[in-house]
């Protein structure tokens, strides 16, 4: 799997995380979606790794993703940031996987939405 960050996504993530310690996870969240094949992707900046997390090298920071969820992704994807809607976007050559992808900061004590 290959993930490319656009310049606008790199700039926005850099603003959000600053000097904080942690890593980025591409989370395929199925909670409340009915079943495991229905899910939505989100970016998590976390201080802990998800179980079964696999490192994916990128042109910016590495991204971690549960190996068992990679089946729902395309081989080559791009993460962009669209300032006009203040949202990240996940896309591939096959189409847009998530047009308004959220960014969360996840810590042992809870989470915060960004």
C-alpha atoms as a PDB file:
ATOM      1  CA  UNK A   1       0.000   0.000   0.000  1.00  0.00           C
ATOM      2  CA  UNK A   2       1.185   3.496  -0.818  1.00  0.00           C
ATOM      3  CA  UNK A   3      -0.121   6.749   0.639  1.00  0.00           C
ATOM      4  CA  UNK A   4       0.837  10.175  -0.669  1.00  0.00           C
ATOM      5  CA  UNK A   5       0.226  13.419   1.240  1.00  0.00           C
ATOM      6  CA  UNK A   6      -0.493  16.580  -0.764  1.00  0.00           C
ATOM      7  CA  UNK A   7       1.279  19.802   0.196  1.00  0.00           C
ATOM      8  CA  UNK A   8      -1.929  21.258   1.664  1.00  0.00           C
ATOM      9  CA  UNK A   9      -2.464  18.125   3.818  1.00  0.00           C
ATOM     10  CA  UNK A  10       1.135  18.220   5.053  1.00  0.00           C
ATOM     11  CA  UNK A  11       0.755  21.883   6.001  1.00  0.00           C
ATOM     12  CA  UNK A  12      -2.533  21.302   7.867  1.00  0.00           C
ATOM     13  CA  UNK A  13      -1.310  18.226   9.775  1.00  0.00           C
ATOM     14  CA  UNK A  14       1.881  20.073  10.719  1.00  0.00           C
ATOM     15  CA  UNK A  15      -0.239  22.922  12.130  1.00  0.00           C
ATOM     16  CA  UNK A  16      -2.422  20.495  14.096  1.00  0.00           C
ATOM     17  CA  UNK A  17       0.283  18.355  15.674  1.00  0.00           C
ATOM     18  CA  UNK A  18       3.074  20.904  16.048  1.00  0.00           C
ATOM     19  CA  UNK A  19       5.722  19.452  18.360  1.00  0.00           C
ATOM     20  CA  UNK A  20       3.424  16.847  19.957  1.00  0.00           C
ATOM     21  CA  UNK A  21       4.678  13.281  20.229  1.00  0.00           C
ATOM     22  CA  UNK A  22       2.602  10.557  18.602  1.00  0.00           C
ATOM     23  CA  UNK A  23       1.810   8.921  15.301  1.00  0.00           C
ATOM     24  CA  UNK A  24      -0.876   9.073  12.629  1.00  0.00           C
ATOM     25  CA  UNK A  25      -3.319   6.219  12.126  1.00  0.00           C
ATOM     26  CA  UNK A  26      -5.656   5.832   9.189  1.00  0.00           C
ATOM     27  CA  UNK A  27      -8.569   4.362  11.104  1.00  0.00           C
ATOM     28  CA  UNK A  28     -11.268   2.407   9.329  1.00  0.00           C
ATOM     29  CA  UNK A  29     -14.044   2.857  11.876  1.00  0.00           C
ATOM     30  CA  UNK A  30     -16.983   0.448  11.708  1.00  0.00           C
ATOM     31  CA  UNK A  31     -18.657   1.418  15.008  1.00  0.00           C
ATOM     32  CA  UNK A  32     -22.319   2.150  14.355  1.00  0.00           C
ATOM     33  CA  UNK A  33     -22.011   1.335  10.639  1.00  0.00           C
ATOM     34  CA  UNK A  34     -23.878  -1.982  10.707  1.00  0.00           C
ATOM     35  CA  UNK A  35     -21.172  -4.497   9.842  1.00  0.00           C
ATOM     36  CA  UNK A  36     -17.431  -4.766   9.247  1.00  0.00           C
ATOM     37  CA  UNK A  37     -17.664  -4.089   5.502  1.00  0.00           C
ATOM     38  CA  UNK A  38     -19.369  -0.731   6.133  1.00  0.00           C
ATOM     39  CA  UNK A  39     -17.037   1.822   7.620  1.00  0.00           C
ATOM     40  CA  UNK A  40     -15.649   5.310   7.399  1.00  0.00           C
ATOM     41  CA  UNK A  41     -12.019   6.396   7.418  1.00  0.00           C
ATOM     42  CA  UNK A  42     -10.608   8.999   9.788  1.00  0.00           C
ATOM     43  CA  UNK A  43      -7.173  10.275  10.689  1.00  0.00           C
ATOM     44  CA  UNK A  44      -6.120   9.744  14.284  1.00  0.00           C
ATOM     45  CA  UNK A  45      -3.107  11.338  15.921  1.00  0.00           C
ATOM     46  CA  UNK A  46      -2.480   8.918  18.765  1.00  0.00           C
ATOM     47  CA  UNK A  47      -0.072   8.171  21.564  1.00  0.00           C
ATOM     48  CA  UNK A  48      -0.740   4.407  21.353  1.00  0.00           C
ATOM     49  CA  UNK A  49      -0.772   1.995  18.429  1.00  0.00           C
ATOM     50  CA  UNK A  50      -3.881   0.098  17.403  1.00  0.00           C
ATOM     51  CA  UNK A  51      -3.571  -3.656  17.737  1.00  0.00           C
ATOM     52  CA  UNK A  52      -2.381  -5.262  14.507  1.00  0.00           C
ATOM     53  CA  UNK A  53      -1.151  -1.855  13.258  1.00  0.00           C
ATOM     54  CA  UNK A  54       1.138  -1.906  10.259  1.00  0.00           C
ATOM     55  CA  UNK A  55       3.412   0.975   9.274  1.00  0.00           C
ATOM     56  CA  UNK A  56       2.867   2.465   5.828  1.00  0.00           C
ATOM     57  CA  UNK A  57       5.660   4.694   4.567  1.00  0.00           C
ATOM     58  CA  UNK A  58       4.600   7.911   2.845  1.00  0.00           C
ATOM     59  CA  UNK A  59       6.159  11.064   1.427  1.00  0.00           C
ATOM     60  CA  UNK A  60       5.596  12.751   4.822  1.00  0.00           C
ATOM     61  CA  UNK A  61       4.976  11.058   8.174  1.00  0.00           C
ATOM     62  CA  UNK A  62       4.373   7.322   8.262  1.00  0.00           C
ATOM     63  CA  UNK A  63       0.756   6.242   8.612  1.00  0.00           C
ATOM     64  CA  UNK A  64      -0.324   3.222  10.643  1.00  0.00           C
ATOM     65  CA  UNK A  65      -3.314   1.084   9.791  1.00  0.00           C
ATOM     66  CA  UNK A  66      -4.749  -2.143  11.117  1.00  0.00           C
ATOM     67  CA  UNK A  67      -3.578  -4.855   8.750  1.00  0.00           C
ATOM     68  CA  UNK A  68      -7.008  -6.517   8.784  1.00  0.00           C
ATOM     69  CA  UNK A  69      -8.660  -3.275   7.539  1.00  0.00           C
ATOM     70  CA  UNK A  70      -6.317  -2.713   4.599  1.00  0.00           C
ATOM     71  CA  UNK A  71      -8.514  -4.934   2.446  1.00  0.00           C
ATOM     72  CA  UNK A  72     -11.021  -2.042   2.259  1.00  0.00           C
ATOM     73  CA  UNK A  73      -8.394   0.366   0.862  1.00  0.00           C
ATOM     74  CA  UNK A  74      -6.852   0.797  -2.581  1.00  0.00           C
ATOM     75  CA  UNK A  75      -3.168   0.096  -3.234  1.00  0.00           C
ATOM     76  CA  UNK A  76      -2.366   3.742  -3.980  1.00  0.00           C
ATOM     77  CA  UNK A  77      -4.134   6.510  -2.080  1.00  0.00           C
ATOM     78  CA  UNK A  78      -3.759  10.237  -1.560  1.00  0.00           C
ATOM     79  CA  UNK A  79      -4.564  12.332   1.508  1.00  0.00           C
ATOM     80  CA  UNK A  80      -5.470  15.930   0.691  1.00  0.00           C
ATOM     81  CA  UNK A  81      -6.762  18.895   2.676  1.00  0.00           C
ATOM     82  CA  UNK A  82      -9.496  21.075   1.191  1.00  0.00           C
ATOM     83  CA  UNK A  83      -9.507  24.495   2.900  1.00  0.00           C
ATOM     84  CA  UNK A  84     -12.843  25.476   1.354  1.00  0.00           C
ATOM     85  CA  UNK A  85     -14.575  22.772   3.433  1.00  0.00           C
ATOM     86  CA  UNK A  86     -11.928  22.629   6.209  1.00  0.00           C
ATOM     87  CA  UNK A  87     -11.627  18.878   5.809  1.00  0.00           C
ATOM     88  CA  UNK A  88      -9.244  16.141   4.779  1.00  0.00           C
ATOM     89  CA  UNK A  89     -10.035  13.908   1.833  1.00  0.00           C
ATOM     90  CA  UNK A  90      -8.938  10.349   1.045  1.00  0.00           C
ATOM     91  CA  UNK A  91      -8.938   9.420  -2.607  1.00  0.00           C
ATOM     92  CA  UNK A  92      -7.458   7.002  -5.120  1.00  0.00           C
ATOM     93  CA  UNK A  93      -7.470   6.567  -8.889  1.00  0.00           C
ATOM     94  CA  UNK A  94     -10.754   4.665  -8.407  1.00  0.00           C
ATOM     95  CA  UNK A  95     -12.529   7.583  -6.739  1.00  0.00           C
ATOM     96  CA  UNK A  96     -13.020   9.380  -3.444  1.00  0.00           C
ATOM     97  CA  UNK A  97     -12.948   7.043  -0.459  1.00  0.00           C
ATOM     98  CA  UNK A  98     -13.912   9.749   2.052  1.00  0.00           C
ATOM     99  CA  UNK A  99     -14.683  13.307   0.879  1.00  0.00           C
ATOM    100  CA  UNK A 100     -14.721  14.764   4.419  1.00  0.00           C
ATOM    101  CA  UNK A 101     -12.309  12.824   6.559  1.00  0.00           C
ATOM    102  CA  UNK A 102     -12.067  13.860  10.206  1.00  0.00           C
ATOM    103  CA  UNK A 103      -8.876  14.361  12.203  1.00  0.00           C
ATOM    104  CA  UNK A 104      -8.946  13.286  15.871  1.00  0.00           C
ATOM    105  CA  UNK A 105      -6.352  13.433  18.597  1.00  0.00           C
ATOM    106  CA  UNK A 106      -6.560  10.186  20.579  1.00  0.00           C
ATOM    107  CA  UNK A 107      -4.972   9.808  23.996  1.00  0.00           C
ATOM    108  CA  UNK A 108      -5.235   7.190  26.709  1.00  0.00           C
ATOM    109  CA  UNK A 109      -7.624   9.491  28.553  1.00  0.00           C
ATOM    110  CA  UNK A 110     -10.001  10.079  25.630  1.00  0.00           C
ATOM    111  CA  UNK A 111     -10.178  11.890  22.340  1.00  0.00           C
ATOM    112  CA  UNK A 112     -10.574  15.365  20.948  1.00  0.00           C
ATOM    113  CA  UNK A 113     -11.996  16.381  17.577  1.00  0.00           C
ATOM    114  CA  UNK A 114      -9.991  18.732  15.356  1.00  0.00           C
END
